[in-house]
Amino acid sequence: MNAAYKRHRIVGILLAILVLILIDHLNSPTFAFNMGDGRAPSALVQRDASACAPCGAPCPSTRD
């Protein structure tokens, strides 16, 4: 077996790539926005408490 393709090296490189991807993802503005920590309020914050649907959609009787 070639020394460049040892199992522990491949696993180590894949784990390092995974860690780099996770760090990039957790530091992204999109992730912060989706967690409610962005500069604009998320959709969960903007829901109307008096709406009929759980997603915040207005009732059919109140639509224009």
PDB file of N, CA and C in Angstrom:
ATOM      1  N   MET A   1       0.842  -1.179   0.000  1.00  0.00           N
ATOM      2  CA  MET A   1       0.000   0.000   0.000  1.00  0.00           C
ATOM      3  C   MET A   1       0.887   1.242   0.000  1.00  0.00           C
ATOM      4  N   ASN A   2       0.514   2.203  -0.796  1.00  0.00           N
ATOM      5  CA  ASN A   2       1.283   3.435  -0.910  1.00  0.00           C
ATOM      6  C   ASN A   2       1.197   4.235   0.384  1.00  0.00           C
ATOM      7  N   ALA A   3       2.304   4.864   0.780  1.00  0.00           N
ATOM      8  CA  ALA A   3       2.355   5.615   2.044  1.00  0.00           C
ATOM      9  C   ALA A   3       1.447   6.832   2.023  1.00  0.00           C
ATOM     10  N   ALA A   4       1.122   7.355   0.854  1.00  0.00           N
ATOM     11  CA  ALA A   4       0.277   8.549   0.754  1.00  0.00           C
ATOM     12  C   ALA A   4      -1.192   8.220   1.037  1.00  0.00           C
ATOM     13  N   TYR A   5      -1.564   6.960   0.967  1.00  0.00           N
ATOM     14  CA  TYR A   5      -2.963   6.585   1.124  1.00  0.00           C
ATOM     15  C   TYR A   5      -3.211   5.745   2.376  1.00  0.00           C
ATOM     16  N   LYS A   6      -2.556   6.055   3.446  1.00  0.00           N
ATOM     17  CA  LYS A   6      -2.809   5.350   4.711  1.00  0.00           C
ATOM     18  C   LYS A   6      -4.155   5.792   5.271  1.00  0.00           C
ATOM     19  N   ARG A   7      -4.831   4.871   5.915  1.00  0.00           N
ATOM     20  CA  ARG A   7      -6.179   5.134   6.412  1.00  0.00           C
ATOM     21  C   ARG A   7      -6.207   6.286   7.411  1.00  0.00           C
ATOM     22  N   HIS A   8      -5.268   6.342   8.346  1.00  0.00           N
ATOM     23  CA  HIS A   8      -5.296   7.397   9.355  1.00  0.00           C
ATOM     24  C   HIS A   8      -5.054   8.773   8.739  1.00  0.00           C
ATOM     25  N   ARG A   9      -4.265   8.845   7.666  1.00  0.00           N
ATOM     26  CA  ARG A   9      -4.052  10.133   6.989  1.00  0.00           C
ATOM     27  C   ARG A   9      -5.325  10.597   6.288  1.00  0.00           C
ATOM     28  N   ILE A  10      -5.998   9.683   5.627  1.00  0.00           N
ATOM     29  CA  ILE A  10      -7.233  10.034   4.916  1.00  0.00           C
ATOM     30  C   ILE A  10      -8.299  10.486   5.907  1.00  0.00           C
ATOM     31  N   VAL A  11      -8.458   9.755   6.994  1.00  0.00           N
ATOM     32  CA  VAL A  11      -9.449  10.126   8.013  1.00  0.00           C
ATOM     33  C   VAL A  11      -9.092  11.479   8.629  1.00  0.00           C
ATOM     34  N   GLY A  12      -7.820  11.702   8.902  1.00  0.00           N
ATOM     35  CA  GLY A  12      -7.387  12.976   9.468  1.00  0.00           C
ATOM     36  C   GLY A  12      -7.660  14.150   8.535  1.00  0.00           C
ATOM     37  N   ILE A  13      -7.393  13.965   7.253  1.00  0.00           N
ATOM     38  CA  ILE A  13      -7.641  15.034   6.275  1.00  0.00           C
ATOM     39  C   ILE A  13      -9.137  15.295   6.149  1.00  0.00           C
ATOM     40  N   LEU A  14      -9.941  14.249   6.108  1.00  0.00           N
ATOM     41  CA  LEU A  14     -11.390  14.433   6.015  1.00  0.00           C
ATOM     42  C   LEU A  14     -11.944  15.121   7.261  1.00  0.00           C
ATOM     43  N   LEU A  15     -11.444  14.781   8.437  1.00  0.00           N
ATOM     44  CA  LEU A  15     -11.882  15.446   9.664  1.00  0.00           C
ATOM     45  C   LEU A  15     -11.469  16.920   9.670  1.00  0.00           C
ATOM     46  N   ALA A  16     -10.273  17.209   9.190  1.00  0.00           N
ATOM     47  CA  ALA A  16      -9.832  18.603   9.115  1.00  0.00           C
ATOM     48  C   ALA A  16     -10.715  19.404   8.163  1.00  0.00           C
ATOM     49  N   ILE A  17     -11.069  18.815   7.029  1.00  0.00           N
ATOM     50  CA  ILE A  17     -11.969  19.492   6.085  1.00  0.00           C
ATOM     51  C   ILE A  17     -13.333  19.710   6.719  1.00  0.00           C
ATOM     52  N   LEU A  18     -13.843  18.725   7.441  1.00  0.00           N
ATOM     53  CA  LEU A  18     -15.135  18.857   8.110  1.00  0.00           C
ATOM     54  C   LEU A  18     -15.105  19.983   9.142  1.00  0.00           C
ATOM     55  N   VAL A  19     -14.039  20.066   9.905  1.00  0.00           N
ATOM     56  CA  VAL A  19     -13.913  21.127  10.906  1.00  0.00           C
ATOM     57  C   VAL A  19     -13.882  22.495  10.229  1.00  0.00           C
ATOM     58  N   LEU A  20     -13.148  22.623   9.127  1.00  0.00           N
ATOM     59  CA  LEU A  20     -13.094  23.896   8.409  1.00  0.00           C
ATOM     60  C   LEU A  20     -14.466  24.288   7.857  1.00  0.00           C
ATOM     61  N   ILE A  21     -15.209  23.316   7.343  1.00  0.00           N
ATOM     62  CA  ILE A  21     -16.555  23.593   6.825  1.00  0.00           C
ATOM     63  C   ILE A  21     -17.479  24.028   7.957  1.00  0.00           C
ATOM     64  N   LEU A  22     -17.411  23.357   9.102  1.00  0.00           N
ATOM     65  CA  LEU A  22     -18.257  23.725  10.238  1.00  0.00           C
ATOM     66  C   LEU A  22     -17.926  25.111  10.772  1.00  0.00           C
ATOM     67  N   ILE A  23     -16.643  25.441  10.847  1.00  0.00           N
ATOM     68  CA  ILE A  23     -16.247  26.775  11.302  1.00  0.00           C
ATOM     69  C   ILE A  23     -16.775  27.836  10.347  1.00  0.00           C
ATOM     70  N   ASP A  24     -16.645  27.594   9.046  1.00  0.00           N
ATOM     71  CA  ASP A  24     -17.138  28.545   8.058  1.00  0.00           C
ATOM     72  C   ASP A  24     -18.656  28.685   8.153  1.00  0.00           C
ATOM     73  N   HIS A  25     -19.345  27.574   8.333  1.00  0.00           N
ATOM     74  CA  HIS A  25     -20.807  27.597   8.412  1.00  0.00           C
ATOM     75  C   HIS A  25     -21.283  28.336   9.666  1.00  0.00           C
ATOM     76  N   LEU A  26     -20.670  28.067  10.788  1.00  0.00           N
ATOM     77  CA  LEU A  26     -21.110  28.692  12.034  1.00  0.00           C
ATOM     78  C   LEU A  26     -20.794  30.184  12.083  1.00  0.00           C
ATOM     79  N   ASN A  27     -19.807  30.627  11.337  1.00  0.00           N
ATOM     80  CA  ASN A  27     -19.452  32.039  11.307  1.00  0.00           C
ATOM     81  C   ASN A  27     -20.125  32.803  10.167  1.00  0.00           C
ATOM     82  N   SER A  28     -20.962  32.129   9.383  1.00  0.00           N
ATOM     83  CA  SER A  28     -21.572  32.795   8.228  1.00  0.00           C
ATOM     84  C   SER A  28     -22.727  33.691   8.656  1.00  0.00           C
ATOM     85  N   PRO A  29     -22.961  34.786   7.920  1.00  0.00           N
ATOM     86  CA  PRO A  29     -24.092  35.665   8.230  1.00  0.00           C
ATOM     87  C   PRO A  29     -25.439  34.970   8.035  1.00  0.00           C
ATOM     88  N   THR A  30     -25.505  34.038   7.102  1.00  0.00           N
ATOM     89  CA  THR A  30     -26.765  33.320   6.866  1.00  0.00           C
ATOM     90  C   THR A  30     -27.133  32.488   8.085  1.00  0.00           C
ATOM     91  N   PHE A  31     -26.159  31.816   8.685  1.00  0.00           N
ATOM     92  CA  PHE A  31     -26.421  31.020   9.879  1.00  0.00           C
ATOM     93  C   PHE A  31     -26.866  31.920  11.027  1.00  0.00           C
ATOM     94  N   ALA A  32     -26.204  33.066  11.201  1.00  0.00           N
ATOM     95  CA  ALA A  32     -26.592  34.007  12.254  1.00  0.00           C
ATOM     96  C   ALA A  32     -28.003  34.530  12.024  1.00  0.00           C
ATOM     97  N   PHE A  33     -28.338  34.826  10.777  1.00  0.00           N
ATOM     98  CA  PHE A  33     -29.688  35.302  10.457  1.00  0.00           C
ATOM     99  C   PHE A  33     -30.723  34.229  10.765  1.00  0.00           C
ATOM    100  N   ASN A  34     -30.443  32.995  10.376  1.00  0.00           N
ATOM    101  CA  ASN A  34     -31.390  31.907  10.613  1.00  0.00           C
ATOM    102  C   ASN A  34     -31.545  31.589  12.097  1.00  0.00           C
ATOM    103  N   MET A  35     -30.541  31.892  12.894  1.00  0.00           N
ATOM    104  CA  MET A  35     -30.631  31.668  14.330  1.00  0.00           C
ATOM    105  C   MET A  35     -31.233  32.865  15.062  1.00  0.00           C
ATOM    106  N   GLY A  36     -31.589  33.914  14.310  1.00  0.00           N
ATOM    107  CA  GLY A  36     -32.202  35.086  14.920  1.00  0.00           C
ATOM    108  C   GLY A  36     -31.199  36.087  15.444  1.00  0.00           C
ATOM    109  N   ASP A  37     -29.918  35.919  15.127  1.00  0.00           N
ATOM    110  CA  ASP A  37     -28.886  36.826  15.604  1.00  0.00           C
ATOM    111  C   ASP A  37     -28.397  37.772  14.514  1.00  0.00           C
ATOM    112  N   GLY A  38     -29.078  37.790  13.373  1.00  0.00           N
ATOM    113  CA  GLY A  38     -28.650  38.657  12.279  1.00  0.00           C
ATOM    114  C   GLY A  38     -29.097  40.087  12.482  1.00  0.00           C
ATOM    115  N   ARG A  39     -28.789  40.921  11.515  1.00  0.00           N
ATOM    116  CA  ARG A  39     -29.151  42.336  11.609  1.00  0.00           C
ATOM    117  C   ARG A  39     -30.640  42.562  11.381  1.00  0.00           C
ATOM    118  N   ALA A  40     -31.264  41.691  10.630  1.00  0.00           N
ATOM    119  CA  ALA A  40     -32.702  41.799  10.379  1.00  0.00           C
ATOM    120  C   ALA A  40     -33.414  40.720  11.179  1.00  0.00           C
ATOM    121  N   PRO A  41     -34.631  40.998  11.650  1.00  0.00           N
ATOM    122  CA  PRO A  41     -35.362  39.963  12.392  1.00  0.00           C
ATOM    123  C   PRO A  41     -35.718  38.783  11.494  1.00  0.00           C
ATOM    124  N   SER A  42     -35.720  37.616  12.059  1.00  0.00           N
ATOM    125  CA  SER A  42     -36.051  36.426  11.281  1.00  0.00           C
ATOM    126  C   SER A  42     -37.559  36.300  11.117  1.00  0.00           C
ATOM    127  N   ALA A  43     -37.961  35.363  10.282  1.00  0.00           N
ATOM    128  CA  ALA A  43     -39.378  35.153  10.014  1.00  0.00           C
ATOM    129  C   ALA A  43     -40.117  34.707  11.272  1.00  0.00           C
ATOM    130  N   LEU A  44     -39.433  34.003  12.169  1.00  0.00           N
ATOM    131  CA  LEU A  44     -40.087  33.547  13.393  1.00  0.00           C
ATOM    132  C   LEU A  44     -40.437  34.728  14.302  1.00  0.00           C
ATOM    133  N   VAL A  45     -39.633  35.779  14.262  1.00  0.00           N
ATOM    134  CA  VAL A  45     -39.891  36.951  15.088  1.00  0.00           C
ATOM    135  C   VAL A  45     -41.036  37.781  14.505  1.00  0.00           C
ATOM    136  N   GLN A  46     -41.197  37.746  13.188  1.00  0.00           N
ATOM    137  CA  GLN A  46     -42.175  38.570  12.505  1.00  0.00           C
ATOM    138  C   GLN A  46     -43.572  37.953  12.445  1.00  0.00           C
ATOM    139  N   ARG A  47     -43.760  36.784  13.005  1.00  0.00           N
ATOM    140  CA  ARG A  47     -45.074  36.137  12.934  1.00  0.00           C
ATOM    141  C   ARG A  47     -46.126  36.951  13.659  1.00  0.00           C
ATOM    142  N   ASP A  48     -47.315  36.947  13.109  1.00  0.00           N
ATOM    143  CA  ASP A  48     -48.434  37.665  13.703  1.00  0.00           C
ATOM    144  C   ASP A  48     -49.122  36.737  14.706  1.00  0.00           C
ATOM    145  N   ALA A  49     -49.197  37.158  15.944  1.00  0.00           N
ATOM    146  CA  ALA A  49     -49.782  36.316  16.988  1.00  0.00           C
ATOM    147  C   ALA A  49     -51.281  36.114  16.793  1.00  0.00           C
ATOM    148  N   SER A  50     -51.949  37.027  16.087  1.00  0.00           N
ATOM    149  CA  SER A  50     -53.395  36.908  15.887  1.00  0.00           C
ATOM    150  C   SER A  50     -53.746  36.142  14.614  1.00  0.00           C
ATOM    151  N   ALA A  51     -52.776  35.608  13.909  1.00  0.00           N
ATOM    152  CA  ALA A  51     -53.037  34.905  12.658  1.00  0.00           C
ATOM    153  C   ALA A  51     -53.646  33.530  12.924  1.00  0.00           C
ATOM    154  N   CYS A  52     -54.361  33.036  11.924  1.00  0.00           N
ATOM    155  CA  CYS A  52     -54.999  31.726  12.044  1.00  0.00           C
ATOM    156  C   CYS A  52     -53.989  30.586  11.843  1.00  0.00           C
ATOM    157  N   ALA A  53     -53.108  30.755  10.875  1.00  0.00           N
ATOM    158  CA  ALA A  53     -52.163  29.695  10.542  1.00  0.00           C
ATOM    159  C   ALA A  53     -50.916  29.806  11.426  1.00  0.00           C
ATOM    160  N   PRO A  54     -50.279  28.683  11.750  1.00  0.00           N
ATOM    161  CA  PRO A  54     -49.080  28.730  12.575  1.00  0.00           C
ATOM    162  C   PRO A  54     -47.914  29.452  11.896  1.00  0.00           C
ATOM    163  N   CYS A  55     -47.955  29.576  10.563  1.00  0.00           N
ATOM    164  CA  CYS A  55     -46.866  30.255   9.859  1.00  0.00           C
ATOM    165  C   CYS A  55     -47.043  31.767   9.878  1.00  0.00           C
ATOM    166  N   GLY A  56     -48.176  32.260  10.372  1.00  0.00           N
ATOM    167  CA  GLY A  56     -48.415  33.692  10.436  1.00  0.00           C
ATOM    168  C   GLY A  56     -49.263  34.229   9.314  1.00  0.00           C
ATOM    169  N   ALA A  57     -49.784  33.346   8.474  1.00  0.00           N
ATOM    170  CA  ALA A  57     -50.634  33.787   7.361  1.00  0.00           C
ATOM    171  C   ALA A  57     -51.944  34.349   7.911  1.00  0.00           C
ATOM    172  N   PRO A  58     -52.492  35.378   7.249  1.00  0.00           N
ATOM    173  CA  PRO A  58     -53.747  35.942   7.734  1.00  0.00           C
ATOM    174  C   PRO A  58     -54.926  35.001   7.487  1.00  0.00           C
ATOM    175  N   CYS A  59     -55.980  35.207   8.232  1.00  0.00           N
ATOM    176  CA  CYS A  59     -57.193  34.403   8.052  1.00  0.00           C
ATOM    177  C   CYS A  59     -57.827  34.781   6.707  1.00  0.00           C
ATOM    178  N   PRO A  60     -58.510  33.834   6.065  1.00  0.00           N
ATOM    179  CA  PRO A  60     -59.162  34.136   4.787  1.00  0.00           C
ATOM    180  C   PRO A  60     -60.159  35.301   4.904  1.00  0.00           C
ATOM    181  N   SER A  61     -60.793  35.466   6.029  1.00  0.00           N
ATOM    182  CA  SER A  61     -61.780  36.531   6.178  1.00  0.00           C
ATOM    183  C   SER A  61     -61.149  37.920   6.274  1.00  0.00           C
ATOM    184  N   THR A  62     -59.864  38.006   6.595  1.00  0.00           N
ATOM    185  CA  THR A  62     -59.216  39.301   6.736  1.00  0.00           C
ATOM    186  C   THR A  62     -58.426  39.706   5.517  1.00  0.00           C
ATOM    187  N   ARG A  63     -58.369  38.852   4.500  1.00  0.00           N
ATOM    188  CA  ARG A  63     -57.633  39.195   3.272  1.00  0.00           C
ATOM    189  C   ARG A  63     -58.445  40.187   2.459  1.00  0.00           C
ATOM    190  N   ASP A  64     -57.754  41.032   1.739  1.00  0.00           N
ATOM    191  CA  ASP A  64     -58.439  42.010   0.857  1.00  0.00           C
ATOM    192  C   ASP A  64     -58.847  41.383  -0.440  1.00  0.00           C
TER     193      ASP A  64
END
